Amino acid sequence: MNSVFYKKLGQNIKNRRKELKLTQQQLADKMNISLNFMGKIEVAFSKPSLDTLIEIAAALDTTVSELTKF
């Protein structure tokens, strides 16, 4: 269950990032995190904390609620 959640979350983050025409590097820079960590979040290898998820949502000009809609 958890792995499915994080895979869908990562896909939603990636989709929103692409809608905004941002690269992983640009999003990572906006958040002041590494490109490696951003990539791992998108493929569900790393699980973001709630604080990080809130920051991702803000950087993508959306809400946590929108990113977690499946």
PDB file of N, CA and C in Angstrom:
ATOM      1  N   MET A   1       0.834  -1.204   0.000  1.00  0.00           N
ATOM      2  CA  MET A   1       0.000   0.000   0.000  1.00  0.00           C
ATOM      3  C   MET A   1       0.870   1.257   0.000  1.00  0.00           C
ATOM      4  N   ASN A   2       1.799   1.334   0.945  1.00  0.00           N
ATOM      5  CA  ASN A   2       2.638   2.535   1.018  1.00  0.00           C
ATOM      6  C   ASN A   2       3.418   2.769  -0.264  1.00  0.00           C
ATOM      7  N   SER A   3       3.973   1.701  -0.830  1.00  0.00           N
ATOM      8  CA  SER A   3       4.780   1.894  -2.038  1.00  0.00           C
ATOM      9  C   SER A   3       3.909   2.403  -3.190  1.00  0.00           C
ATOM     10  N   VAL A   4       2.668   1.939  -3.272  1.00  0.00           N
ATOM     11  CA  VAL A   4       1.756   2.410  -4.312  1.00  0.00           C
ATOM     12  C   VAL A   4       1.476   3.899  -4.113  1.00  0.00           C
ATOM     13  N   PHE A   5       1.240   4.291  -2.869  1.00  0.00           N
ATOM     14  CA  PHE A   5       0.987   5.702  -2.553  1.00  0.00           C
ATOM     15  C   PHE A   5       2.151   6.572  -3.014  1.00  0.00           C
ATOM     16  N   TYR A   6       3.373   6.188  -2.648  1.00  0.00           N
ATOM     17  CA  TYR A   6       4.535   7.015  -2.982  1.00  0.00           C
ATOM     18  C   TYR A   6       4.828   7.027  -4.483  1.00  0.00           C
ATOM     19  N   LYS A   7       4.532   5.920  -5.172  1.00  0.00           N
ATOM     20  CA  LYS A   7       4.704   5.905  -6.629  1.00  0.00           C
ATOM     21  C   LYS A   7       3.726   6.876  -7.287  1.00  0.00           C
ATOM     22  N   LYS A   8       2.478   6.858  -6.839  1.00  0.00           N
ATOM     23  CA  LYS A   8       1.478   7.767  -7.399  1.00  0.00           C
ATOM     24  C   LYS A   8       1.797   9.213  -7.042  1.00  0.00           C
ATOM     25  N   LEU A   9       2.246   9.442  -5.824  1.00  0.00           N
ATOM     26  CA  LEU A   9       2.653  10.783  -5.404  1.00  0.00           C
ATOM     27  C   LEU A   9       3.787  11.288  -6.296  1.00  0.00           C
ATOM     28  N   GLY A  10       4.800  10.462  -6.477  1.00  0.00           N
ATOM     29  CA  GLY A  10       5.936  10.845  -7.320  1.00  0.00           C
ATOM     30  C   GLY A  10       5.511  11.162  -8.741  1.00  0.00           C
ATOM     31  N   GLN A  11       4.587  10.377  -9.269  1.00  0.00           N
ATOM     32  CA  GLN A  11       4.092  10.614 -10.629  1.00  0.00           C
ATOM     33  C   GLN A  11       3.327  11.931 -10.702  1.00  0.00           C
ATOM     34  N   ASN A  12       2.529  12.218  -9.678  1.00  0.00           N
ATOM     35  CA  ASN A  12       1.797  13.492  -9.654  1.00  0.00           C
ATOM     36  C   ASN A  12       2.747  14.682  -9.560  1.00  0.00           C
ATOM     37  N   ILE A  13       3.795  14.543  -8.774  1.00  0.00           N
ATOM     38  CA  ILE A  13       4.800  15.612  -8.667  1.00  0.00           C
ATOM     39  C   ILE A  13       5.456  15.823 -10.032  1.00  0.00           C
ATOM     40  N   LYS A  14       5.847  14.731 -10.666  1.00  0.00           N
ATOM     41  CA  LYS A  14       6.486  14.813 -11.985  1.00  0.00           C
ATOM     42  C   LYS A  14       5.544  15.448 -13.015  1.00  0.00           C
ATOM     43  N   ASN A  15       4.284  15.023 -13.017  1.00  0.00           N
ATOM     44  CA  ASN A  15       3.321  15.566 -13.971  1.00  0.00           C
ATOM     45  C   ASN A  15       3.135  17.072 -13.774  1.00  0.00           C
ATOM     46  N   ARG A  16       3.004  17.492 -12.522  1.00  0.00           N
ATOM     47  CA  ARG A  16       2.827  18.925 -12.235  1.00  0.00           C
ATOM     48  C   ARG A  16       4.086  19.704 -12.623  1.00  0.00           C
ATOM     49  N   ARG A  17       5.243  19.151 -12.333  1.00  0.00           N
ATOM     50  CA  ARG A  17       6.514  19.800 -12.695  1.00  0.00           C
ATOM     51  C   ARG A  17       6.583  20.004 -14.210  1.00  0.00           C
ATOM     52  N   LYS A  18       6.186  18.981 -14.950  1.00  0.00           N
ATOM     53  CA  LYS A  18       6.232  19.081 -16.409  1.00  0.00           C
ATOM     54  C   LYS A  18       5.194  20.066 -16.940  1.00  0.00           C
ATOM     55  N   GLU A  19       4.024  20.135 -16.272  1.00  0.00           N
ATOM     56  CA  GLU A  19       3.020  21.130 -16.668  1.00  0.00           C
ATOM     57  C   GLU A  19       3.605  22.540 -16.590  1.00  0.00           C
ATOM     58  N   LEU A  20       4.435  22.748 -15.573  1.00  0.00           N
ATOM     59  CA  LEU A  20       5.056  24.057 -15.368  1.00  0.00           C
ATOM     60  C   LEU A  20       6.341  24.224 -16.183  1.00  0.00           C
ATOM     61  N   LYS A  21       6.677  23.197 -16.967  1.00  0.00           N
ATOM     62  CA  LYS A  21       7.876  23.205 -17.803  1.00  0.00           C
ATOM     63  C   LYS A  21       9.160  23.412 -16.990  1.00  0.00           C
ATOM     64  N   LEU A  22       9.191  22.744 -15.823  1.00  0.00           N
ATOM     65  CA  LEU A  22      10.373  22.791 -14.970  1.00  0.00           C
ATOM     66  C   LEU A  22      11.145  21.483 -15.105  1.00  0.00           C
ATOM     67  N   THR A  23      12.459  21.576 -15.053  1.00  0.00           N
ATOM     68  CA  THR A  23      13.280  20.371 -14.980  1.00  0.00           C
ATOM     69  C   THR A  23      13.371  19.945 -13.521  1.00  0.00           C
ATOM     70  N   GLN A  24      13.821  18.721 -13.295  1.00  0.00           N
ATOM     71  CA  GLN A  24      14.054  18.289 -11.911  1.00  0.00           C
ATOM     72  C   GLN A  24      15.055  19.222 -11.237  1.00  0.00           C
ATOM     73  N   GLN A  25      16.073  19.626 -11.984  1.00  0.00           N
ATOM     74  CA  GLN A  25      17.096  20.510 -11.426  1.00  0.00           C
ATOM     75  C   GLN A  25      16.491  21.848 -11.012  1.00  0.00           C
ATOM     76  N   GLN A  26      15.644  22.406 -11.840  1.00  0.00           N
ATOM     77  CA  GLN A  26      15.025  23.693 -11.507  1.00  0.00           C
ATOM     78  C   GLN A  26      14.150  23.580 -10.259  1.00  0.00           C
ATOM     79  N   LEU A  27      13.391  22.492 -10.148  1.00  0.00           N
ATOM     80  CA  LEU A  27      12.563  22.295  -8.964  1.00  0.00           C
ATOM     81  C   LEU A  27      13.428  22.084  -7.734  1.00  0.00           C
ATOM     82  N   ALA A  28      14.465  21.288  -7.858  1.00  0.00           N
ATOM     83  CA  ALA A  28      15.381  21.058  -6.736  1.00  0.00           C
ATOM     84  C   ALA A  28      16.021  22.375  -6.288  1.00  0.00           C
ATOM     85  N   ASP A  29      16.418  23.198  -7.250  1.00  0.00           N
ATOM     86  CA  ASP A  29      17.017  24.493  -6.921  1.00  0.00           C
ATOM     87  C   ASP A  29      16.020  25.398  -6.198  1.00  0.00           C
ATOM     88  N   LYS A  30      14.758  25.401  -6.647  1.00  0.00           N
ATOM     89  CA  LYS A  30      13.729  26.215  -5.995  1.00  0.00           C
ATOM     90  C   LYS A  30      13.544  25.810  -4.537  1.00  0.00           C
ATOM     91  N   MET A  31      13.735  24.520  -4.278  1.00  0.00           N
ATOM     92  CA  MET A  31      13.508  23.983  -2.939  1.00  0.00           C
ATOM     93  C   MET A  31      14.781  23.902  -2.110  1.00  0.00           C
ATOM     94  N   ASN A  32      15.903  24.159  -2.744  1.00  0.00           N
ATOM     95  CA  ASN A  32      17.196  24.061  -2.070  1.00  0.00           C
ATOM     96  C   ASN A  32      17.482  22.633  -1.587  1.00  0.00           C
ATOM     97  N   ILE A  33      17.166  21.663  -2.459  1.00  0.00           N
ATOM     98  CA  ILE A  33      17.495  20.258  -2.195  1.00  0.00           C
ATOM     99  C   ILE A  33      18.307  19.742  -3.375  1.00  0.00           C
ATOM    100  N   SER A  34      18.876  18.564  -3.230  1.00  0.00           N
ATOM    101  CA  SER A  34      19.707  18.026  -4.312  1.00  0.00           C
ATOM    102  C   SER A  34      18.847  17.456  -5.439  1.00  0.00           C
ATOM    103  N   LEU A  35      19.406  17.478  -6.634  1.00  0.00           N
ATOM    104  CA  LEU A  35      18.761  16.872  -7.791  1.00  0.00           C
ATOM    105  C   LEU A  35      18.532  15.381  -7.522  1.00  0.00           C
ATOM    106  N   ASN A  36      19.503  14.746  -6.903  1.00  0.00           N
ATOM    107  CA  ASN A  36      19.408  13.326  -6.590  1.00  0.00           C
ATOM    108  C   ASN A  36      18.186  13.038  -5.717  1.00  0.00           C
ATOM    109  N   PHE A  37      17.983  13.827  -4.676  1.00  0.00           N
ATOM    110  CA  PHE A  37      16.846  13.636  -3.778  1.00  0.00           C
ATOM    111  C   PHE A  37      15.530  13.875  -4.518  1.00  0.00           C
ATOM    112  N   MET A  38      15.477  14.905  -5.340  1.00  0.00           N
ATOM    113  CA  MET A  38      14.259  15.188  -6.095  1.00  0.00           C
ATOM    114  C   MET A  38      13.926  14.022  -7.010  1.00  0.00           C
ATOM    115  N   GLY A  39      14.918  13.506  -7.684  1.00  0.00           N
ATOM    116  CA  GLY A  39      14.704  12.357  -8.569  1.00  0.00           C
ATOM    117  C   GLY A  39      14.209  11.138  -7.817  1.00  0.00           C
ATOM    118  N   LYS A  40      14.768  10.910  -6.652  1.00  0.00           N
ATOM    119  CA  LYS A  40      14.357   9.757  -5.839  1.00  0.00           C
ATOM    120  C   LYS A  40      12.923   9.896  -5.350  1.00  0.00           C
ATOM    121  N   ILE A  41      12.489  11.113  -5.072  1.00  0.00           N
ATOM    122  CA  ILE A  41      11.093  11.333  -4.662  1.00  0.00           C
ATOM    123  C   ILE A  41      10.166  10.990  -5.826  1.00  0.00           C
ATOM    124  N   GLU A  42      10.517  11.422  -7.017  1.00  0.00           N
ATOM    125  CA  GLU A  42       9.658  11.189  -8.179  1.00  0.00           C
ATOM    126  C   GLU A  42       9.522   9.714  -8.532  1.00  0.00           C
ATOM    127  N   VAL A  43      10.525   8.907  -8.232  1.00  0.00           N
ATOM    128  CA  VAL A  43      10.440   7.472  -8.537  1.00  0.00           C
ATOM    129  C   VAL A  43      10.135   6.635  -7.296  1.00  0.00           C
ATOM    130  N   ALA A  44       9.785   7.307  -6.204  1.00  0.00           N
ATOM    131  CA  ALA A  44       9.373   6.644  -4.955  1.00  0.00           C
ATOM    132  C   ALA A  44      10.492   5.847  -4.291  1.00  0.00           C
ATOM    133  N   PHE A  45      11.738   6.217  -4.573  1.00  0.00           N
ATOM    134  CA  PHE A  45      12.861   5.582  -3.888  1.00  0.00           C
ATOM    135  C   PHE A  45      13.061   6.235  -2.528  1.00  0.00           C
ATOM    136  N   SER A  46      12.767   7.520  -2.443  1.00  0.00           N
ATOM    137  CA  SER A  46      12.795   8.261  -1.178  1.00  0.00           C
ATOM    138  C   SER A  46      11.391   8.747  -0.872  1.00  0.00           C
ATOM    139  N   LYS A  47      11.066   8.761   0.397  1.00  0.00           N
ATOM    140  CA  LYS A  47       9.747   9.209   0.842  1.00  0.00           C
ATOM    141  C   LYS A  47       9.893  10.571   1.502  1.00  0.00           C
ATOM    142  N   PRO A  48       9.268  11.597   0.931  1.00  0.00           N
ATOM    143  CA  PRO A  48       9.416  12.942   1.499  1.00  0.00           C
ATOM    144  C   PRO A  48       8.665  13.067   2.830  1.00  0.00           C
ATOM    145  N   SER A  49       9.229  13.847   3.727  1.00  0.00           N
ATOM    146  CA  SER A  49       8.525  14.161   4.978  1.00  0.00           C
ATOM    147  C   SER A  49       7.356  15.074   4.637  1.00  0.00           C
ATOM    148  N   LEU A  50       6.460  15.243   5.584  1.00  0.00           N
ATOM    149  CA  LEU A  50       5.327  16.139   5.365  1.00  0.00           C
ATOM    150  C   LEU A  50       5.820  17.554   5.082  1.00  0.00           C
ATOM    151  N   ASP A  51       6.825  18.011   5.821  1.00  0.00           N
ATOM    152  CA  ASP A  51       7.371  19.351   5.580  1.00  0.00           C
ATOM    153  C   ASP A  51       7.906  19.489   4.153  1.00  0.00           C
ATOM    154  N   THR A  52       8.615  18.464   3.686  1.00  0.00           N
ATOM    155  CA  THR A  52       9.156  18.499   2.325  1.00  0.00           C
ATOM    156  C   THR A  52       8.022  18.477   1.309  1.00  0.00           C
ATOM    157  N   LEU A  53       7.000  17.683   1.568  1.00  0.00           N
ATOM    158  CA  LEU A  53       5.859  17.619   0.658  1.00  0.00           C
ATOM    159  C   LEU A  53       5.154  18.976   0.572  1.00  0.00           C
ATOM    160  N   ILE A  54       5.038  19.650   1.687  1.00  0.00           N
ATOM    161  CA  ILE A  54       4.440  20.993   1.704  1.00  0.00           C
ATOM    162  C   ILE A  54       5.291  21.955   0.867  1.00  0.00           C
ATOM    163  N   GLU A  55       6.605  21.848   0.998  1.00  0.00           N
ATOM    164  CA  GLU A  55       7.508  22.704   0.216  1.00  0.00           C
ATOM    165  C   GLU A  55       7.415  22.397  -1.278  1.00  0.00           C
ATOM    166  N   ILE A  56       7.314  21.110  -1.615  1.00  0.00           N
ATOM    167  CA  ILE A  56       7.167  20.723  -3.027  1.00  0.00           C
ATOM    168  C   ILE A  56       5.889  21.327  -3.598  1.00  0.00           C
ATOM    169  N   ALA A  57       4.799  21.185  -2.849  1.00  0.00           N
ATOM    170  CA  ALA A  57       3.519  21.726  -3.310  1.00  0.00           C
ATOM    171  C   ALA A  57       3.624  23.234  -3.535  1.00  0.00           C
ATOM    172  N   ALA A  58       4.246  23.932  -2.607  1.00  0.00           N
ATOM    173  CA  ALA A  58       4.401  25.385  -2.741  1.00  0.00           C
ATOM    174  C   ALA A  58       5.256  25.718  -3.966  1.00  0.00           C
ATOM    175  N   ALA A  59       6.335  24.991  -4.160  1.00  0.00           N
ATOM    176  CA  ALA A  59       7.222  25.242  -5.301  1.00  0.00           C
ATOM    177  C   ALA A  59       6.514  24.971  -6.626  1.00  0.00           C
ATOM    178  N   LEU A  60       5.541  24.066  -6.592  1.00  0.00           N
ATOM    179  CA  LEU A  60       4.789  23.724  -7.808  1.00  0.00           C
ATOM    180  C   LEU A  60       3.477  24.500  -7.898  1.00  0.00           C
ATOM    181  N   ASP A  61       3.311  25.470  -7.019  1.00  0.00           N
ATOM    182  CA  ASP A  61       2.122  26.322  -7.020  1.00  0.00           C
ATOM    183  C   ASP A  61       0.831  25.490  -6.999  1.00  0.00           C
ATOM    184  N   THR A  62       0.816  24.522  -6.076  1.00  0.00           N
ATOM    185  CA  THR A  62      -0.348  23.656  -5.903  1.00  0.00           C
ATOM    186  C   THR A  62      -0.476  23.332  -4.412  1.00  0.00           C
ATOM    187  N   THR A  63      -1.319  22.373  -4.096  1.00  0.00           N
ATOM    188  CA  THR A  63      -1.521  21.990  -2.697  1.00  0.00           C
ATOM    189  C   THR A  63      -1.116  20.528  -2.501  1.00  0.00           C
ATOM    190  N   VAL A  64      -0.878  20.186  -1.254  1.00  0.00           N
ATOM    191  CA  VAL A  64      -0.596  18.785  -0.919  1.00  0.00           C
ATOM    192  C   VAL A  64      -1.804  17.933  -1.314  1.00  0.00           C
ATOM    193  N   SER A  65      -2.986  18.471  -1.066  1.00  0.00           N
ATOM    194  CA  SER A  65      -4.211  17.761  -1.422  1.00  0.00           C
ATOM    195  C   SER A  65      -4.237  17.405  -2.902  1.00  0.00           C
ATOM    196  N   GLU A  66      -3.873  18.339  -3.752  1.00  0.00           N
ATOM    197  CA  GLU A  66      -3.854  18.070  -5.196  1.00  0.00           C
ATOM    198  C   GLU A  66      -2.811  17.013  -5.549  1.00  0.00           C
ATOM    199  N   LEU A  67      -1.650  17.078  -4.909  1.00  0.00           N
ATOM    200  CA  LEU A  67      -0.577  16.114  -5.217  1.00  0.00           C
ATOM    201  C   LEU A  67      -0.922  14.713  -4.741  1.00  0.00           C
ATOM    202  N   THR A  68      -1.811  14.587  -3.769  1.00  0.00           N
ATOM    203  CA  THR A  68      -2.150  13.275  -3.222  1.00  0.00           C
ATOM    204  C   THR A  68      -3.498  12.763  -3.726  1.00  0.00           C
ATOM    205  N   LYS A  69      -4.057  13.401  -4.741  1.00  0.00           N
ATOM    206  CA  LYS A  69      -5.298  12.903  -5.349  1.00  0.00           C
ATOM    207  C   LYS A  69      -4.937  11.814  -6.346  1.00  0.00           C
ATOM    208  N   PHE A  70      -5.514  10.639  -6.142  1.00  0.00           N
ATOM    209  CA  PHE A  70      -5.244   9.531  -7.073  1.00  0.00           C
ATOM    210  C   PHE A  70      -6.569   8.983  -7.580  1.00  0.00           C
TER     211      PHE A  70
END
